[in-house]
Amino acid sequence: MIFYPTVLPMPLQDGYSLSVKPNILRTTMADGYTRQRLVNQGAPYSLSCTVQLTGSQWREMLAWYKTELVSGTNWFVMPLLNNDYDENEKEVKEITYQYARIQNGALNVSLIQRTDKGTVYKVGMTLDSKRISNQRLLIEVINI
């Protein structure tokens, strides 16, 4: 299991957007009516987020992205804003661990500031995200 590096900051909540796209099959019938049905409920959410990084954090993220994520193709686990409701949970947690994958492996990197104190980058990405069903087990794995 690959985890988002703890040395990197969490995504900024400003500009954090979630797109819910259920996996629906739509068919237009010969008589003109349209039939629509749910194919499955396991379709991932699409999530846009931004991370603000220092120069050293950017190098750390790039190394993780290229080696462990194999240029963004692998799924990883990271804490994200909750995008799902579970009737078994007594309270809705704002941040939960979720599976995530960078869509098309695409990172959008902008130089925000460069001073003698250092460089600051803004890294934007769109993630596919899926809920991890057993949060308690995952937390035990993380704490080992």
Protein backbone atom coordinates (compact mmCIF):
# COMPACT_ATOMS: atom_id res chain seq x y z
CA MET A 1 0.00 0.00 0.00
CA ILE A 2 1.43 3.40 -1.03
CA PHE A 3 0.81 6.38 1.26
CA TYR A 4 0.94 10.12 0.63
CA PRO A 5 4.22 11.31 2.20
CA THR A 6 3.75 12.72 5.71
CA VAL A 7 6.45 15.35 5.05
CA LEU A 8 4.21 16.99 2.43
CA PRO A 9 1.42 19.41 3.36
CA MET A 10 -2.22 18.51 2.92
CA PRO A 11 -4.11 19.87 -0.11
CA LEU A 12 -5.41 23.41 0.32
CA GLN A 13 -9.10 23.54 1.12
CA ASP A 14 -9.54 26.71 -0.92
CA GLY A 15 -10.30 25.66 -4.48
CA TYR A 16 -10.97 22.05 -3.41
CA SER A 17 -13.81 20.79 -5.61
CA LEU A 18 -15.53 17.44 -5.86
CA SER A 19 -17.36 16.11 -8.90
CA VAL A 20 -19.76 13.21 -8.42
CA LYS A 21 -20.20 11.22 -11.61
CA PRO A 22 -22.21 8.05 -11.06
CA ASN A 23 -21.51 5.23 -13.50
CA ILE A 24 -24.73 5.48 -15.54
CA LEU A 25 -25.43 3.82 -18.87
CA ARG A 26 -27.81 5.82 -21.07
CA THR A 27 -29.46 4.26 -24.12
CA THR A 28 -31.83 5.95 -26.58
CA MET A 29 -34.46 3.45 -27.68
CA ALA A 30 -35.87 3.18 -31.24
CA ASP A 31 -39.17 4.74 -30.13
CA GLY A 32 -37.34 7.87 -28.86
CA TYR A 33 -37.47 7.13 -25.15
CA THR A 34 -34.22 7.11 -23.22
CA ARG A 35 -33.40 4.33 -20.79
CA GLN A 36 -30.96 5.12 -18.02
CA ARG A 37 -29.58 2.66 -15.47
CA LEU A 38 -26.86 2.51 -12.87
CA VAL A 39 -24.02 0.20 -13.96
CA ASN A 40 -22.33 0.10 -10.56
CA GLN A 41 -21.97 2.21 -7.45
CA GLY A 42 -18.20 1.91 -7.21
CA ALA A 43 -17.30 4.70 -9.59
CA PRO A 44 -14.64 7.00 -8.11
CA TYR A 45 -15.25 10.67 -7.43
CA SER A 46 -13.29 13.28 -9.34
CA LEU A 47 -11.56 15.73 -7.02
CA SER A 48 -9.57 18.86 -7.93
CA CYS A 49 -7.07 20.09 -5.35
CA THR A 50 -3.95 22.20 -4.95
CA VAL A 51 -0.89 21.72 -2.75
CA GLN A 52 1.48 24.56 -1.89
CA LEU A 53 5.09 23.33 -1.56
CA THR A 54 8.53 24.69 -0.79
CA GLY A 55 11.38 23.82 -3.13
CA SER A 56 12.52 20.86 -1.02
CA GLN A 57 8.93 19.59 -0.63
CA TRP A 58 8.45 19.83 -4.41
CA ARG A 59 11.59 17.71 -4.98
CA GLU A 60 10.30 15.18 -2.42
CA MET A 61 6.90 15.03 -4.12
CA LEU A 62 8.44 14.66 -7.58
CA ALA A 63 10.65 11.77 -6.40
CA TRP A 64 7.61 10.04 -4.79
CA TYR A 65 5.52 10.70 -7.92
CA LYS A 66 8.12 9.24 -10.30
CA THR A 67 9.21 6.23 -8.24
CA GLU A 68 6.38 5.01 -6.02
CA LEU A 69 3.47 6.25 -8.13
CA VAL A 70 5.23 5.32 -11.39
CA SER A 71 4.57 8.77 -12.90
CA GLY A 72 1.13 9.01 -11.30
CA THR A 73 -0.36 5.70 -12.48
CA ASN A 74 -0.61 3.91 -9.09
CA TRP A 75 -3.32 4.30 -6.46
CA PHE A 76 -2.21 5.64 -3.07
CA VAL A 77 -3.80 6.43 0.30
CA MET A 78 -4.11 9.99 1.55
CA PRO A 79 -6.29 11.94 3.97
CA LEU A 80 -8.90 13.95 2.03
CA LEU A 81 -12.13 15.77 2.77
CA ASN A 82 -14.88 13.23 3.25
CA ASN A 83 -16.82 12.66 0.04
CA ASP A 84 -19.16 9.92 1.16
CA TYR A 85 -21.76 9.09 3.76
CA ASP A 86 -21.72 5.79 5.61
CA GLU A 87 -24.84 4.84 7.56
CA ASN A 88 -22.72 2.70 9.91
CA GLU A 89 -20.73 5.73 11.09
CA LYS A 90 -22.29 7.58 14.02
CA GLU A 91 -20.78 10.91 12.95
CA VAL A 92 -19.53 12.24 9.65
CA LYS A 93 -15.80 12.84 9.77
CA GLU A 94 -14.52 15.80 7.79
CA ILE A 95 -11.20 14.17 6.85
CA THR A 96 -10.93 10.47 6.05
CA TYR A 97 -8.27 8.29 4.48
CA GLN A 98 -9.16 7.52 0.87
CA TYR A 99 -7.67 5.79 -2.12
CA ALA A 100 -6.54 8.36 -4.69
CA ARG A 101 -4.98 8.32 -8.14
CA ILE A 102 -3.80 11.30 -10.19
CA GLN A 103 -5.95 11.47 -13.33
CA ASN A 104 -3.78 10.91 -16.42
CA GLY A 105 -0.73 11.39 -14.15
CA ALA A 106 -1.05 15.14 -14.79
CA LEU A 107 0.44 17.68 -12.37
CA ASN A 108 0.07 21.42 -13.03
CA VAL A 109 3.01 23.20 -11.41
CA SER A 110 3.29 26.98 -11.02
CA LEU A 111 6.05 29.01 -9.44
CA ILE A 112 4.37 31.30 -6.91
CA GLN A 113 7.31 33.03 -5.29
CA ARG A 114 11.08 33.00 -5.45
CA THR A 115 13.08 34.88 -2.84
CA ASP A 116 16.41 34.50 -1.08
CA LYS A 117 14.47 32.60 1.63
CA GLY A 118 13.35 29.96 -0.86
CA THR A 119 10.93 29.01 -3.60
CA VAL A 120 7.21 28.29 -3.30
CA TYR A 121 5.33 26.18 -5.84
CA LYS A 122 1.63 25.54 -6.37
CA VAL A 123 0.87 22.03 -7.62
CA GLY A 124 -2.61 21.38 -8.96
CA MET A 125 -3.99 17.95 -9.75
CA THR A 126 -7.24 16.15 -10.37
CA LEU A 127 -7.65 12.94 -8.40
CA ASP A 128 -9.88 9.93 -8.71
CA SER A 129 -10.86 9.11 -5.13
CA LYS A 130 -12.61 6.13 -3.53
CA ARG A 131 -13.60 5.60 0.06
CA ILE A 132 -11.71 3.03 2.10
CA SER A 133 -14.34 0.89 3.76
CA ASN A 134 -12.43 -0.08 6.91
CA GLN A 135 -10.98 3.15 8.33
CA ARG A 136 -10.15 1.58 11.71
CA LEU A 137 -8.03 -1.17 10.12
CA LEU A 138 -6.23 1.39 7.98
CA ILE A 139 -5.41 3.54 11.03
CA GLU A 140 -3.96 0.44 12.73
CA VAL A 141 -1.77 -0.20 9.64
CA ILE A 142 -0.59 3.42 9.67
CA ASN A 143 0.31 3.30 13.37
CA ILE A 144 2.42 0.10 13.05
